[in-house]
Protein backbone atom coordinates (compact mmCIF):
# COMPACT_ATOMS: atom_id res chain seq x y z
CA UNK A 1 35.88 -6.14 0.93
CA UNK A 2 34.10 -7.19 4.13
CA UNK A 3 30.44 -6.43 4.74
CA UNK A 4 28.81 -5.35 7.99
CA UNK A 5 28.27 -8.98 9.05
CA UNK A 6 31.98 -9.83 8.74
CA UNK A 7 31.62 -11.83 5.53
CA UNK A 8 34.15 -11.47 2.73
CA UNK A 9 32.30 -10.42 -0.41
CA UNK A 10 35.38 -10.62 -2.61
CA UNK A 11 37.30 -7.99 -4.48
CA UNK A 12 35.15 -5.06 -5.60
CA UNK A 13 36.10 -1.87 -7.43
CA UNK A 14 36.16 1.23 -5.24
CA UNK A 15 33.09 2.83 -6.84
CA UNK A 16 31.07 -0.37 -6.54
CA UNK A 17 32.10 -0.76 -2.89
CA UNK A 18 31.10 2.83 -2.09
CA UNK A 19 27.77 2.30 -3.80
CA UNK A 20 27.08 -0.85 -1.79
CA UNK A 21 27.93 0.94 1.47
CA UNK A 22 25.63 3.91 0.64
CA UNK A 23 22.76 1.60 -0.19
CA UNK A 24 23.01 0.06 3.30
CA UNK A 25 23.50 3.41 5.03
CA UNK A 26 27.04 2.54 6.14
CA UNK A 27 30.56 3.91 5.68
CA UNK A 28 33.39 2.27 3.77
CA UNK A 29 36.46 2.14 6.07
CA UNK A 30 39.91 0.95 5.05
CA UNK A 31 41.12 -1.42 7.79
CA UNK A 32 44.21 -2.99 6.16
CA UNK A 33 45.86 -0.47 3.84
CA UNK A 34 49.09 -2.47 3.46
CA UNK A 35 47.35 -5.60 2.19
CA UNK A 36 47.28 -6.51 -1.50
CA UNK A 37 44.66 -5.53 -2.43
CA UNK A 38 43.75 -3.19 0.49
CA UNK A 39 40.95 -4.44 2.71
CA UNK A 40 37.88 -2.27 3.38
CA UNK A 41 34.87 -2.83 5.57
CA UNK A 42 31.34 -1.51 5.58
CA UNK A 43 30.38 -0.26 9.03
CA UNK A 44 28.98 2.66 10.99
CA UNK A 45 32.05 4.83 11.50
CA UNK A 46 30.73 6.80 14.49
CA UNK A 47 29.94 3.63 16.43
CA UNK A 48 33.30 2.13 15.41
CA UNK A 49 35.22 5.16 16.73
CA UNK A 50 33.23 5.15 19.99
CA UNK A 51 33.97 1.49 20.69
CA UNK A 52 37.63 1.91 19.78
CA UNK A 53 38.02 4.92 22.09
CA UNK A 54 36.27 3.05 24.89
CA UNK A 55 38.64 0.07 24.54
CA UNK A 56 41.68 2.34 24.58
CA UNK A 57 40.44 4.15 27.69
CA UNK A 58 39.81 0.89 29.54
CA UNK A 59 43.23 -0.40 28.55
CA UNK A 60 44.97 2.73 29.88
CA UNK A 61 42.94 2.56 33.07
CA UNK A 62 43.91 -1.04 33.82
CA UNK A 63 47.56 -0.37 32.99
CA UNK A 64 47.75 2.63 35.28
CA UNK A 65 45.97 0.82 38.09
CA UNK A 66 48.32 -2.14 37.94
CA UNK A 67 51.48 -0.01 38.09
CA UNK A 68 50.64 3.00 40.27
CA UNK A 69 49.19 2.79 43.77
CA UNK A 70 48.08 5.64 46.01
CA UNK A 71 48.36 5.92 49.79
CA UNK A 72 46.85 8.83 51.71
CA UNK A 73 48.19 10.40 54.91
CA UNK A 74 47.07 13.08 57.35
CA UNK A 75 49.20 15.39 59.45
CA UNK A 76 47.90 14.03 62.75
CA UNK A 77 48.33 10.36 61.81
CA UNK A 78 49.08 8.05 64.73
CA UNK A 79 52.31 6.07 64.95
CA UNK A 80 50.45 2.77 64.55
CA UNK A 81 48.69 3.91 61.37
CA UNK A 82 51.95 5.34 60.04
CA UNK A 83 53.72 2.00 60.45
CA UNK A 84 50.84 0.16 58.75
CA UNK A 85 50.91 2.49 55.74
CA UNK A 86 54.69 2.27 55.63
CA UNK A 87 54.55 -1.53 55.34
CA UNK A 88 51.82 -1.18 52.71
CA UNK A 89 54.03 1.05 50.57
CA UNK A 90 56.96 -1.34 51.00
CA UNK A 91 54.74 -4.16 49.73
CA UNK A 92 53.82 -2.15 46.62
CA UNK A 93 57.46 -1.33 45.91
CA UNK A 94 58.51 -4.96 46.29
CA UNK A 95 55.96 -5.79 43.57
CA UNK A 96 57.61 -3.16 41.31
CA UNK A 97 54.68 -0.75 41.48
CA UNK A 98 55.03 3.00 41.80
CA UNK A 99 53.32 4.58 44.79
CA UNK A 100 51.81 8.05 44.93
CA UNK A 101 51.75 9.44 48.46
CA UNK A 102 49.19 12.16 49.20
CA UNK A 103 49.14 14.12 52.47
CA UNK A 104 45.95 16.15 52.93
CA UNK A 105 45.49 19.19 55.16
CA UNK A 106 42.09 19.72 56.75
CA UNK A 107 40.78 23.00 58.10
CA UNK A 108 43.32 24.80 60.29
CA UNK A 109 46.00 22.22 59.57
CA UNK A 110 47.09 24.44 56.67
CA UNK A 111 48.69 26.70 59.28
CA UNK A 112 51.17 23.91 60.09
CA UNK A 113 52.51 22.95 56.70
CA UNK A 114 55.94 22.32 58.22
CA UNK A 115 54.50 19.23 59.95
CA UNK A 116 53.51 17.83 56.57
CA UNK A 117 57.00 18.47 55.20
CA UNK A 118 58.54 16.69 58.19
CA UNK A 119 56.25 13.70 57.70
CA UNK A 120 57.15 13.43 54.02
CA UNK A 121 60.88 13.62 54.79
CA UNK A 122 60.52 10.92 57.42
CA UNK A 123 58.63 8.69 54.99
CA UNK A 124 61.28 9.11 52.29
CA UNK A 125 64.00 8.24 54.83
CA UNK A 126 62.15 5.17 56.13
CA UNK A 127 61.69 3.89 52.56
CA UNK A 128 65.39 4.23 51.77
CA UNK A 129 66.52 0.90 50.36
CA UNK A 130 63.00 -0.05 49.22
CA UNK A 131 62.28 2.80 46.81
CA UNK A 132 63.49 6.15 45.58
CA UNK A 133 61.73 9.49 45.35
CA UNK A 134 60.81 10.04 41.70
CA UNK A 135 58.80 13.23 42.23
CA UNK A 136 59.74 15.33 45.24
CA UNK A 137 57.05 16.39 47.72
CA UNK A 138 55.09 19.35 46.34
CA UNK A 139 52.10 21.22 47.77
CA UNK A 140 49.20 21.57 45.33
CA UNK A 141 46.19 23.24 46.93
CA UNK A 142 45.67 21.45 50.24
CA UNK A 143 47.51 18.25 49.31
CA UNK A 144 51.22 17.38 49.26
CA UNK A 145 52.02 14.88 46.53
CA UNK A 146 55.11 12.67 46.29
CA UNK A 147 55.80 9.75 43.93
CA UNK A 148 58.06 6.89 44.99
CA UNK A 149 59.27 4.34 42.46
CA UNK A 150 60.82 0.91 43.08
CA UNK A 151 64.56 0.44 42.69
CA UNK A 152 66.40 -2.30 40.87
CA UNK A 153 67.08 -5.60 42.62
CA UNK A 154 70.83 -5.07 43.02
CA UNK A 155 70.23 -1.90 45.03
CA UNK A 156 67.28 -3.23 47.03
CA UNK A 157 67.64 -3.62 50.75
CA UNK A 158 68.56 -7.12 51.80
CA UNK A 159 67.42 -8.56 55.08
CA UNK A 160 70.33 -10.16 56.87
CA UNK A 161 69.79 -13.19 59.08
CA UNK A 162 69.61 -12.30 62.79
CA UNK A 163 72.65 -12.96 64.90
CA UNK A 164 72.74 -16.19 66.82
CA UNK A 165 71.79 -16.11 70.49
CA UNK A 166 74.59 -16.31 73.10
CA UNK A 167 73.66 -19.90 73.94
CA UNK A 168 73.74 -20.96 70.29
CA UNK A 169 77.05 -19.18 69.75
CA UNK A 170 78.53 -20.97 72.76
CA UNK A 171 77.36 -24.36 71.53
CA UNK A 172 78.72 -23.70 68.06
CA UNK A 173 82.07 -22.68 69.48
CA UNK A 174 82.19 -25.82 71.64
CA UNK A 175 81.41 -27.99 68.61
CA UNK A 176 84.24 -26.39 66.66
CA UNK A 177 86.61 -26.90 69.58
CA UNK A 178 85.69 -30.60 69.78
CA UNK A 179 86.36 -31.01 66.08
CA UNK A 180 89.92 -29.72 66.43
CA UNK A 181 92.51 -32.40 67.20
CA UNK A 182 94.60 -31.30 70.13
CA UNK A 183 98.16 -32.56 69.95
CA UNK A 184 100.41 -32.48 72.99
CA UNK A 185 103.61 -34.14 74.28
CA UNK A 186 103.01 -36.21 77.41
CA UNK A 187 105.21 -35.33 80.36
CA UNK A 188 107.80 -37.99 81.32
CA UNK A 189 106.94 -40.29 84.24
CA UNK A 190 108.79 -39.05 87.35
CA UNK A 191 111.52 -41.43 88.51
CA UNK A 192 111.56 -42.66 92.12
CA UNK A 193 114.08 -41.00 94.42
CA UNK A 194 117.46 -42.77 94.51
CA UNK A 195 118.06 -45.28 97.34
CA UNK A 196 121.12 -44.65 99.41
CA UNK A 197 123.14 -47.81 100.08
CA UNK A 198 125.06 -47.60 103.35
CA UNK A 199 127.93 -49.84 104.42
CA UNK A 200 127.08 -52.65 106.81
CA UNK A 201 128.92 -51.04 109.69
CA UNK A 202 127.14 -47.72 109.49
CA UNK A 203 124.32 -46.85 111.78
CA UNK A 204 120.99 -46.67 109.96
CA UNK A 205 119.29 -43.36 109.74
CA UNK A 206 116.36 -42.84 112.11
CA UNK A 207 113.05 -43.89 110.58
CA UNK A 208 114.68 -45.74 107.67
CA UNK A 209 113.58 -49.20 106.52
CA UNK A 210 116.97 -50.73 107.38
CA UNK A 211 116.67 -49.94 111.13
CA UNK A 212 113.24 -51.56 111.41
CA UNK A 213 114.45 -54.75 109.80
CA UNK A 214 117.40 -55.02 112.25
CA UNK A 215 115.18 -54.64 115.35
CA UNK A 216 112.70 -57.17 113.99
CA UNK A 217 115.47 -59.73 113.43
CA UNK A 218 116.82 -59.23 116.98
CA UNK A 219 113.35 -59.64 118.48
CA UNK A 220 112.76 -62.85 116.56
CA UNK A 221 116.16 -64.24 117.74
CA UNK A 222 115.34 -63.50 121.38
CA UNK A 223 112.00 -65.24 121.08
CA UNK A 224 113.59 -68.37 119.60
CA UNK A 225 116.14 -68.59 122.44
CA UNK A 226 113.36 -68.72 124.99
């Protein structure tokens, strides 16, 4: 048995333990029934139950806060605010936290509930690939509620790398072309035209090399005779 100060007072018979607890104005509470022998404690049961309930409530509160987030919308939300809230919800879903979306109608906005439905449908479509609708949009009073839960990693949207710019693509293609060995067969060297050999008695063709040599020899002979 354990007293109110947390000290073990040893094994006591049940009647003796009850008598000790009544003398101190406390209750005898069994805290370890499966032990051998069972363990009891003297304490104020009302205070014990209050503290235990308080701890359980705080534990549930922290657990719910860490897993479920809430984002509020209005029918006349601007495009800039819509995109900001959309990125906020995507961030929650990437951290594996459920998100509760609430769209509130104010005053005469209740006459245009179709605008709220359109906004919720657009939000569910924009979040496709990041999360899935767990609880469909439902109007309760003046508020439309919708719960979106994260999806598993294998179905999550993957961001592909952007395509290379035209200049980068051209340089990459040129680099690949330079790396390829180009094999070709060189063309044969053209042969010079054949030289026609004429007999000594034939008259040389006009403009041919043979006629020029003959005139030069005759001119040199005439000069030597002088």
